[in-house]
Amino acid sequence: MRGFRRALAGAGLLVAAATARAQDARLAQRLDKPTYVAVNAIVDSARVAKLPTAPLVDKALEGAAKGSDGQKIVFAVHQLSVRMTSARHVLGATSSPDEIKAAATALDNGVSDRDLARVKSAGGKRPVTMPLAVLTDLIGRQVPIATATSLVVQLAKSGIKDPDLALFQRNVRADIDRGADPTVAATTRARGLVARGNPPATKPAQ
């Protein structure tokens, strides 16, 4: 059994090393040398801290695709690293890469550490990737941060499952696209979902 575990650990290290080399190659191809060196240093620090590195690489490549200068790219990558560090601190050391990425995105959209902790606490031991994605989407659709956070916390406390959260998100989008006030749409849909007691997900309302 010990030998099997060592083999698995070795395989994991090989995969991680291969992933790191692939990320480095993409950065080297798309960034000028000074920018590459600075970004790679941030990525290496994140790797040592056991933070997900793919979002940092993607952020750098996104900046390169948009034609941003090297200083802006490095700053954006550094800020994302800071947000991911804060996210992991709030969510806990066992949080998954997807949870950390979702939390960092929520922070970037104005969610506070305190509200991030509220969402985490409301969900108990369940992953918070979907609740945080819904929260960020609501904010992006002009639902005030305080309202959006309270609604997501309410849904999480009510035990609403991820498929129904996804349906809630789609229905709110549809309501807004049809001209509904974002806050009214989100609040009405959340109240209806909680009142029905977490029903099985169905098709979005027409």
C-alpha atoms as a PDB file:
ATOM      1  CA  MET A   1       0.000   0.000   0.000  1.00  0.00           C
ATOM      2  CA  ARG A   2       2.846   2.396   0.866  1.00  0.00           C
ATOM      3  CA  GLY A   3       4.458   1.677  -2.484  1.00  0.00           C
ATOM      4  CA  PHE A   4       1.191   2.369  -4.258  1.00  0.00           C
ATOM      5  CA  ARG A   5       0.791   5.673  -2.437  1.00  0.00           C
ATOM      6  CA  ARG A   6       4.350   6.673  -3.283  1.00  0.00           C
ATOM      7  CA  ALA A   7       3.697   5.844  -6.922  1.00  0.00           C
ATOM      8  CA  LEU A   8       0.549   7.972  -6.907  1.00  0.00           C
ATOM      9  CA  ALA A   9       2.411  10.858  -5.292  1.00  0.00           C
ATOM     10  CA  GLY A  10       5.195  10.546  -7.854  1.00  0.00           C
ATOM     11  CA  ALA A  11       2.697  10.530 -10.692  1.00  0.00           C
ATOM     12  CA  GLY A  12       1.054  13.632  -9.247  1.00  0.00           C
ATOM     13  CA  LEU A  13       4.389  15.426  -9.137  1.00  0.00           C
ATOM     14  CA  LEU A  14       5.090  14.490 -12.736  1.00  0.00           C
ATOM     15  CA  VAL A  15       1.706  15.827 -13.845  1.00  0.00           C
ATOM     16  CA  ALA A  16       2.249  19.045 -11.893  1.00  0.00           C
ATOM     17  CA  ALA A  17       5.702  19.478 -13.437  1.00  0.00           C
ATOM     18  CA  ALA A  18       4.350  18.895 -16.939  1.00  0.00           C
ATOM     19  CA  THR A  19       1.554  21.404 -16.325  1.00  0.00           C
ATOM     20  CA  ALA A  20       4.047  23.979 -15.055  1.00  0.00           C
ATOM     21  CA  ARG A  21       6.232  23.515 -18.146  1.00  0.00           C
ATOM     22  CA  ALA A  22       3.216  23.930 -20.441  1.00  0.00           C
ATOM     23  CA  GLN A  23       2.177  27.108 -18.627  1.00  0.00           C
ATOM     24  CA  ASP A  24       5.714  28.499 -18.799  1.00  0.00           C
ATOM     25  CA  ALA A  25       5.897  27.756 -22.517  1.00  0.00           C
ATOM     26  CA  ARG A  26       2.657  29.612 -23.229  1.00  0.00           C
ATOM     27  CA  LEU A  27       3.806  32.613 -21.236  1.00  0.00           C
ATOM     28  CA  ALA A  28       7.205  32.663 -22.929  1.00  0.00           C
ATOM     29  CA  GLN A  29       5.551  32.629 -26.345  1.00  0.00           C
ATOM     30  CA  ARG A  30       3.134  35.481 -25.652  1.00  0.00           C
ATOM     31  CA  LEU A  31       5.007  37.846 -23.333  1.00  0.00           C
ATOM     32  CA  ASP A  32       8.130  39.926 -23.766  1.00  0.00           C
ATOM     33  CA  LYS A  33      11.080  38.841 -21.643  1.00  0.00           C
ATOM     34  CA  PRO A  34      10.764  41.331 -18.738  1.00  0.00           C
ATOM     35  CA  THR A  35       7.014  40.708 -18.459  1.00  0.00           C
ATOM     36  CA  TYR A  36       7.511  36.952 -18.666  1.00  0.00           C
ATOM     37  CA  VAL A  37      10.116  37.010 -15.874  1.00  0.00           C
ATOM     38  CA  ALA A  38       7.867  39.085 -13.596  1.00  0.00           C
ATOM     39  CA  VAL A  39       4.725  37.042 -14.273  1.00  0.00           C
ATOM     40  CA  ASN A  40       6.571  33.753 -13.927  1.00  0.00           C
ATOM     41  CA  ALA A  41       7.871  34.851 -10.524  1.00  0.00           C
ATOM     42  CA  ILE A  42       4.293  35.497  -9.356  1.00  0.00           C
ATOM     43  CA  VAL A  43       3.162  32.144 -10.728  1.00  0.00           C
ATOM     44  CA  ASP A  44       6.056  30.357  -9.014  1.00  0.00           C
ATOM     45  CA  SER A  45       5.218  32.041  -5.701  1.00  0.00           C
ATOM     46  CA  ALA A  46       1.590  30.958  -6.051  1.00  0.00           C
ATOM     47  CA  ARG A  47       2.705  27.405  -6.793  1.00  0.00           C
ATOM     48  CA  VAL A  48       4.858  27.353  -3.647  1.00  0.00           C
ATOM     49  CA  ALA A  49       1.907  28.713  -1.640  1.00  0.00           C
ATOM     50  CA  LYS A  50      -0.263  25.939  -3.148  1.00  0.00           C
ATOM     51  CA  LEU A  51      -2.577  28.384  -4.871  1.00  0.00           C
ATOM     52  CA  PRO A  52      -4.026  27.541  -8.287  1.00  0.00           C
ATOM     53  CA  THR A  53      -1.709  28.871 -10.986  1.00  0.00           C
ATOM     54  CA  ALA A  54      -3.885  28.403 -14.075  1.00  0.00           C
ATOM     55  CA  PRO A  55      -5.983  31.546 -13.363  1.00  0.00           C
ATOM     56  CA  LEU A  56      -2.787  33.611 -13.134  1.00  0.00           C
ATOM     57  CA  VAL A  57      -1.499  32.272 -16.444  1.00  0.00           C
ATOM     58  CA  ASP A  58      -4.889  32.862 -18.050  1.00  0.00           C
ATOM     59  CA  LYS A  59      -4.946  36.444 -16.735  1.00  0.00           C
ATOM     60  CA  ALA A  60      -1.519  37.137 -18.254  1.00  0.00           C
ATOM     61  CA  LEU A  61      -2.505  35.606 -21.583  1.00  0.00           C
ATOM     62  CA  GLU A  62      -5.754  37.571 -21.556  1.00  0.00           C
ATOM     63  CA  GLY A  63      -3.806  40.786 -21.100  1.00  0.00           C
ATOM     64  CA  ALA A  64      -1.446  39.846 -23.926  1.00  0.00           C
ATOM     65  CA  ALA A  65      -4.391  39.078 -26.226  1.00  0.00           C
ATOM     66  CA  LYS A  66      -5.861  42.503 -25.486  1.00  0.00           C
ATOM     67  CA  GLY A  67      -2.555  44.200 -26.271  1.00  0.00           C
ATOM     68  CA  SER A  68      -2.000  45.457 -22.718  1.00  0.00           C
ATOM     69  CA  ASP A  69       1.500  46.633 -21.885  1.00  0.00           C
ATOM     70  CA  GLY A  70       3.746  44.553 -19.677  1.00  0.00           C
ATOM     71  CA  GLN A  71       3.325  46.706 -16.578  1.00  0.00           C
ATOM     72  CA  LYS A  72      -0.465  46.387 -16.689  1.00  0.00           C
ATOM     73  CA  ILE A  73      -0.241  42.638 -17.198  1.00  0.00           C
ATOM     74  CA  VAL A  74       2.090  42.171 -14.230  1.00  0.00           C
ATOM     75  CA  PHE A  75      -0.117  44.358 -12.042  1.00  0.00           C
ATOM     76  CA  ALA A  76      -3.267  42.443 -13.010  1.00  0.00           C
ATOM     77  CA  VAL A  77      -1.625  39.081 -12.331  1.00  0.00           C
ATOM     78  CA  HIS A  78      -0.275  40.312  -8.997  1.00  0.00           C
ATOM     79  CA  GLN A  79      -3.698  41.624  -7.937  1.00  0.00           C
ATOM     80  CA  LEU A  80      -5.313  38.300  -8.829  1.00  0.00           C
ATOM     81  CA  SER A  81      -2.709  36.509  -6.740  1.00  0.00           C
ATOM     82  CA  VAL A  82      -3.515  38.785  -3.806  1.00  0.00           C
ATOM     83  CA  ARG A  83      -7.253  38.125  -4.201  1.00  0.00           C
ATOM     84  CA  MET A  84      -6.708  34.367  -4.375  1.00  0.00           C
ATOM     85  CA  THR A  85      -4.607  34.523  -1.215  1.00  0.00           C
ATOM     86  CA  SER A  86      -7.409  36.406   0.553  1.00  0.00           C
ATOM     87  CA  ALA A  87      -9.980  33.967  -0.829  1.00  0.00           C
ATOM     88  CA  ARG A  88      -8.081  30.932   0.437  1.00  0.00           C
ATOM     89  CA  HIS A  89      -7.661  32.595   3.841  1.00  0.00           C
ATOM     90  CA  VAL A  90     -11.428  33.125   4.119  1.00  0.00           C
ATOM     91  CA  LEU A  91     -12.510  29.783   2.662  1.00  0.00           C
ATOM     92  CA  GLY A  92      -9.915  27.678   4.442  1.00  0.00           C
ATOM     93  CA  ALA A  93      -6.880  25.626   3.521  1.00  0.00           C
ATOM     94  CA  THR A  94      -8.962  22.755   2.136  1.00  0.00           C
ATOM     95  CA  SER A  95     -10.797  24.932  -0.405  1.00  0.00           C
ATOM     96  CA  SER A  96     -10.570  23.676  -3.973  1.00  0.00           C
ATOM     97  CA  PRO A  97      -8.937  25.565  -6.866  1.00  0.00           C
ATOM     98  CA  ASP A  98     -12.392  26.190  -8.357  1.00  0.00           C
ATOM     99  CA  GLU A  99     -13.642  27.646  -5.076  1.00  0.00           C
ATOM    100  CA  ILE A 100     -10.596  29.896  -4.767  1.00  0.00           C
ATOM    101  CA  LYS A 101     -11.008  31.112  -8.340  1.00  0.00           C
ATOM    102  CA  ALA A 102     -14.738  31.801  -7.853  1.00  0.00           C
ATOM    103  CA  ALA A 103     -14.047  33.620  -4.593  1.00  0.00           C
ATOM    104  CA  ALA A 104     -11.300  35.731  -6.162  1.00  0.00           C
ATOM    105  CA  THR A 105     -13.696  36.724  -8.943  1.00  0.00           C
ATOM    106  CA  ALA A 106     -16.329  37.680  -6.372  1.00  0.00           C
ATOM    107  CA  LEU A 107     -13.774  39.816  -4.523  1.00  0.00           C
ATOM    108  CA  ASP A 108     -12.860  41.506  -7.798  1.00  0.00           C
ATOM    109  CA  ASN A 109     -16.532  42.415  -8.226  1.00  0.00           C
ATOM    110  CA  GLY A 110     -16.736  44.165  -4.881  1.00  0.00           C
ATOM    111  CA  VAL A 111     -17.685  41.372  -2.487  1.00  0.00           C
ATOM    112  CA  SER A 112     -15.998  41.841   0.894  1.00  0.00           C
ATOM    113  CA  ASP A 113     -14.076  39.232   2.868  1.00  0.00           C
ATOM    114  CA  ARG A 114     -16.867  39.367   5.444  1.00  0.00           C
ATOM    115  CA  ASP A 115     -19.571  38.597   2.885  1.00  0.00           C
ATOM    116  CA  LEU A 116     -17.406  35.865   1.385  1.00  0.00           C
ATOM    117  CA  ALA A 117     -17.265  34.301   4.832  1.00  0.00           C
ATOM    118  CA  ARG A 118     -21.062  34.612   5.133  1.00  0.00           C
ATOM    119  CA  VAL A 119     -21.556  32.647   1.922  1.00  0.00           C
ATOM    120  CA  LYS A 120     -19.070  30.021   3.079  1.00  0.00           C
ATOM    121  CA  SER A 121     -20.751  29.678   6.476  1.00  0.00           C
ATOM    122  CA  ALA A 122     -24.236  29.495   4.960  1.00  0.00           C
ATOM    123  CA  GLY A 123     -23.258  26.584   2.736  1.00  0.00           C
ATOM    124  CA  GLY A 124     -21.799  24.500   5.538  1.00  0.00           C
ATOM    125  CA  LYS A 125     -19.481  21.843   4.130  1.00  0.00           C
ATOM    126  CA  ARG A 126     -20.837  22.131   0.595  1.00  0.00           C
ATOM    127  CA  PRO A 127     -18.578  23.622  -2.111  1.00  0.00           C
ATOM    128  CA  VAL A 128     -19.252  27.314  -2.691  1.00  0.00           C
ATOM    129  CA  THR A 129     -18.177  27.478  -6.330  1.00  0.00           C
ATOM    130  CA  MET A 130     -21.718  27.711  -7.706  1.00  0.00           C
ATOM    131  CA  PRO A 131     -23.104  30.073  -5.033  1.00  0.00           C
ATOM    132  CA  LEU A 132     -20.197  32.453  -5.632  1.00  0.00           C
ATOM    133  CA  ALA A 133     -20.632  32.243  -9.407  1.00  0.00           C
ATOM    134  CA  VAL A 134     -24.306  33.142  -8.992  1.00  0.00           C
ATOM    135  CA  LEU A 135     -23.391  36.002  -6.654  1.00  0.00           C
ATOM    136  CA  THR A 136     -20.902  37.420  -9.144  1.00  0.00           C
ATOM    137  CA  ASP A 137     -23.408  37.106 -11.985  1.00  0.00           C
ATOM    138  CA  LEU A 138     -26.104  38.942 -10.012  1.00  0.00           C
ATOM    139  CA  ILE A 139     -23.697  41.781  -9.245  1.00  0.00           C
ATOM    140  CA  GLY A 140     -22.719  41.950 -12.910  1.00  0.00           C
ATOM    141  CA  ARG A 141     -26.409  42.332 -13.767  1.00  0.00           C
ATOM    142  CA  GLN A 142     -26.741  45.383 -11.518  1.00  0.00           C
ATOM    143  CA  VAL A 143     -28.196  43.735  -8.434  1.00  0.00           C
ATOM    144  CA  PRO A 144     -26.681  45.676  -5.494  1.00  0.00           C
ATOM    145  CA  ILE A 145     -23.900  43.778  -3.747  1.00  0.00           C
ATOM    146  CA  ALA A 146     -25.661  43.761  -0.366  1.00  0.00           C
ATOM    147  CA  THR A 147     -28.889  42.447  -1.886  1.00  0.00           C
ATOM    148  CA  ALA A 148     -27.159  39.855  -4.058  1.00  0.00           C
ATOM    149  CA  THR A 149     -25.113  38.592  -1.107  1.00  0.00           C
ATOM    150  CA  SER A 150     -28.147  38.332   1.170  1.00  0.00           C
ATOM    151  CA  LEU A 151     -30.088  36.401  -1.479  1.00  0.00           C
ATOM    152  CA  VAL A 152     -27.273  33.929  -2.096  1.00  0.00           C
ATOM    153  CA  VAL A 153     -26.779  33.452   1.650  1.00  0.00           C
ATOM    154  CA  GLN A 154     -30.510  32.805   2.022  1.00  0.00           C
ATOM    155  CA  LEU A 155     -30.471  30.260  -0.790  1.00  0.00           C
ATOM    156  CA  ALA A 156     -27.403  28.522   0.639  1.00  0.00           C
ATOM    157  CA  LYS A 157     -28.917  28.345   4.126  1.00  0.00           C
ATOM    158  CA  SER A 158     -32.066  26.857   2.608  1.00  0.00           C
ATOM    159  CA  GLY A 159     -30.027  24.019   1.134  1.00  0.00           C
ATOM    160  CA  ILE A 160     -30.697  24.941  -2.492  1.00  0.00           C
ATOM    161  CA  LYS A 161     -28.626  22.594  -4.625  1.00  0.00           C
ATOM    162  CA  ASP A 162     -26.273  23.611  -7.437  1.00  0.00           C
ATOM    163  CA  PRO A 163     -28.577  22.603 -10.341  1.00  0.00           C
ATOM    164  CA  ASP A 164     -31.360  24.738  -8.868  1.00  0.00           C
ATOM    165  CA  LEU A 165     -28.949  27.614  -8.272  1.00  0.00           C
ATOM    166  CA  ALA A 166     -27.970  27.397 -11.932  1.00  0.00           C
ATOM    167  CA  LEU A 167     -31.646  27.432 -12.908  1.00  0.00           C
ATOM    168  CA  PHE A 168     -32.245  30.421 -10.629  1.00  0.00           C
ATOM    169  CA  GLN A 169     -29.371  32.220 -12.348  1.00  0.00           C
ATOM    170  CA  ARG A 170     -30.772  31.507 -15.819  1.00  0.00           C
ATOM    171  CA  ASN A 171     -34.279  32.571 -14.843  1.00  0.00           C
ATOM    172  CA  VAL A 172     -33.067  35.863 -13.371  1.00  0.00           C
ATOM    173  CA  ARG A 173     -31.096  36.523 -16.553  1.00  0.00           C
ATOM    174  CA  ALA A 174     -34.194  35.812 -18.639  1.00  0.00           C
ATOM    175  CA  ASP A 175     -36.339  38.127 -16.487  1.00  0.00           C
ATOM    176  CA  ILE A 176     -33.809  40.949 -16.795  1.00  0.00           C
ATOM    177  CA  ASP A 177     -33.472  40.436 -20.538  1.00  0.00           C
ATOM    178  CA  ARG A 178     -37.253  40.843 -20.768  1.00  0.00           C
ATOM    179  CA  GLY A 179     -37.017  44.189 -19.002  1.00  0.00           C
ATOM    180  CA  ALA A 180     -37.510  43.312 -15.330  1.00  0.00           C
ATOM    181  CA  ASP A 181     -35.750  45.325 -12.644  1.00  0.00           C
ATOM    182  CA  PRO A 182     -32.668  43.280 -11.632  1.00  0.00           C
ATOM    183  CA  THR A 183     -33.275  43.530  -7.890  1.00  0.00           C
ATOM    184  CA  VAL A 184     -36.962  42.683  -8.207  1.00  0.00           C
ATOM    185  CA  ALA A 185     -36.230  39.753 -10.529  1.00  0.00           C
ATOM    186  CA  ALA A 186     -33.559  38.263  -8.253  1.00  0.00           C
ATOM    187  CA  THR A 187     -35.572  38.771  -5.064  1.00  0.00           C
ATOM    188  CA  THR A 188     -38.776  37.335  -6.514  1.00  0.00           C
ATOM    189  CA  ARG A 189     -37.045  34.280  -7.970  1.00  0.00           C
ATOM    190  CA  ALA A 190     -35.141  33.619  -4.726  1.00  0.00           C
ATOM    191  CA  ARG A 191     -38.273  33.853  -2.593  1.00  0.00           C
ATOM    192  CA  GLY A 192     -40.123  31.505  -4.906  1.00  0.00           C
ATOM    193  CA  LEU A 193     -37.300  28.968  -4.853  1.00  0.00           C
ATOM    194  CA  VAL A 194     -37.038  28.986  -1.067  1.00  0.00           C
ATOM    195  CA  ALA A 195     -40.827  28.756  -0.688  1.00  0.00           C
ATOM    196  CA  ARG A 196     -40.941  25.670  -2.906  1.00  0.00           C
ATOM    197  CA  GLY A 197     -38.345  23.981  -0.749  1.00  0.00           C
ATOM    198  CA  ASN A 198     -35.544  23.235  -3.248  1.00  0.00           C
ATOM    199  CA  PRO A 199     -37.540  21.499  -6.011  1.00  0.00           C
ATOM    200  CA  PRO A 200     -35.760  19.482  -8.725  1.00  0.00           C
ATOM    201  CA  ALA A 201     -34.299  21.649 -11.464  1.00  0.00           C
ATOM    202  CA  THR A 202     -36.466  22.085 -14.545  1.00  0.00           C
ATOM    203  CA  LYS A 203     -36.298  24.130 -17.696  1.00  0.00           C
ATOM    204  CA  PRO A 204     -36.108  27.940 -17.330  1.00  0.00           C
ATOM    205  CA  ALA A 205     -39.465  29.658 -17.190  1.00  0.00           C
ATOM    206  CA  GLN A 206     -40.679  30.979 -20.503  1.00  0.00           C
END
